[in-house]
Each structure stands twice: as C-alpha cells, then as structure tokens.
Amino acid sequence: MAVGVGVRLPSGHPARVTRFVPISGTWRCDGDERGIPLRTITDYLQVPANAQVPLLGGRPA
C-alpha cells in the first residue's frame, strides 16, 4: 500500500513523497517494520452499498 507523506528535504524545503508500506505478516514486514493489515486494503477496495458502478465500460442505470 502507498501513502503520501510530508517530509523536509536537507535544504529545509518541504516535499511530499510516496512511502510504500508492507502488508502485516508478510516477509517484507519483519522486525521493527510497521505494516498494514490485509483487511484494511480489502475494505478499501470494496464497492460501497448502493453504488452505481458500470460493468465492462457500461453506463450506470
């Protein structure tokens, strides 16, 4: 998962960067690395109830 993070450059100027966060319980998330639970990602990808989502490029009714 990727999240936007504000940082300060060595020059002192602010910047926005993308930080990639591993999924908890995987080989990329060991030791002190803080991960994101898989459930967080699957909840984010769910279509809200009563959403009008077109299938195969169609238009919503």
Protein backbone atom coordinates (compact mmCIF):
# COMPACT_ATOMS: atom_id res chain seq x y z
CA MET A 1 0.00 0.00 0.00
CA ALA A 2 1.24 3.51 -0.70
CA VAL A 3 0.65 6.61 1.41
CA GLY A 4 1.62 10.22 0.82
CA VAL A 5 3.95 11.65 3.46
CA GLY A 6 5.24 15.13 4.06
CA VAL A 7 8.99 15.36 4.65
CA ARG A 8 11.61 18.08 4.92
CA LEU A 9 14.50 18.00 2.46
CA PRO A 10 18.10 18.53 3.62
CA SER A 11 17.78 22.06 2.19
CA GLY A 12 14.93 22.71 4.63
CA HIS A 13 12.22 22.82 1.97
CA PRO A 14 9.07 20.73 2.47
CA ALA A 15 8.27 17.95 0.00
CA ARG A 16 5.67 15.22 -0.48
CA VAL A 17 6.86 11.68 -1.09
CA THR A 18 5.20 8.31 -1.54
CA ARG A 19 6.01 5.79 1.15
CA PHE A 20 5.24 2.15 0.46
CA VAL A 21 4.02 0.21 3.48
CA PRO A 22 4.18 -3.61 3.52
CA ILE A 23 1.29 -5.90 4.43
CA SER A 24 1.45 -7.22 8.01
CA GLY A 25 2.54 -10.82 8.38
CA THR A 26 4.48 -10.99 5.12
CA TRP A 27 8.21 -11.43 4.60
CA ARG A 28 8.53 -7.70 3.84
CA CYS A 29 7.17 -6.81 7.26
CA ASP A 30 9.55 -8.24 9.82
CA GLY A 31 11.42 -6.77 12.74
CA ASP A 32 10.51 -3.18 13.55
CA GLU A 33 8.70 -2.52 10.24
CA ARG A 34 5.10 -1.47 10.83
CA GLY A 35 2.70 -2.97 8.31
CA ILE A 36 -0.87 -2.54 7.19
CA PRO A 37 -3.35 -5.37 7.82
CA LEU A 38 -4.66 -7.04 4.66
CA ARG A 39 -8.21 -6.35 5.89
CA THR A 40 -7.56 -2.59 5.60
CA ILE A 41 -6.74 -2.95 1.92
CA THR A 42 -9.66 -5.25 1.10
CA ASP A 43 -12.10 -2.92 2.92
CA TYR A 44 -10.75 0.00 0.87
CA LEU A 45 -11.29 -1.88 -2.40
CA GLN A 46 -14.93 -2.81 -1.69
CA VAL A 47 -17.70 -1.05 -3.61
CA PRO A 48 -19.99 0.95 -1.28
CA ALA A 49 -23.59 -0.26 -0.84
CA ASN A 50 -25.99 1.16 -3.46
CA ALA A 51 -23.10 2.36 -5.64
CA GLN A 52 -23.75 2.64 -9.35
CA VAL A 53 -20.65 1.01 -10.75
CA PRO A 54 -20.60 0.32 -14.50
CA LEU A 55 -19.56 -3.15 -15.63
CA LEU A 56 -17.39 -3.59 -18.73
CA GLY A 57 -17.44 0.10 -19.57
CA GLY A 58 -21.24 0.44 -19.48
CA ARG A 59 -23.09 3.42 -18.07
CA PRO A 60 -24.84 3.37 -14.68
CA ALA A 61 -28.62 2.98 -14.82
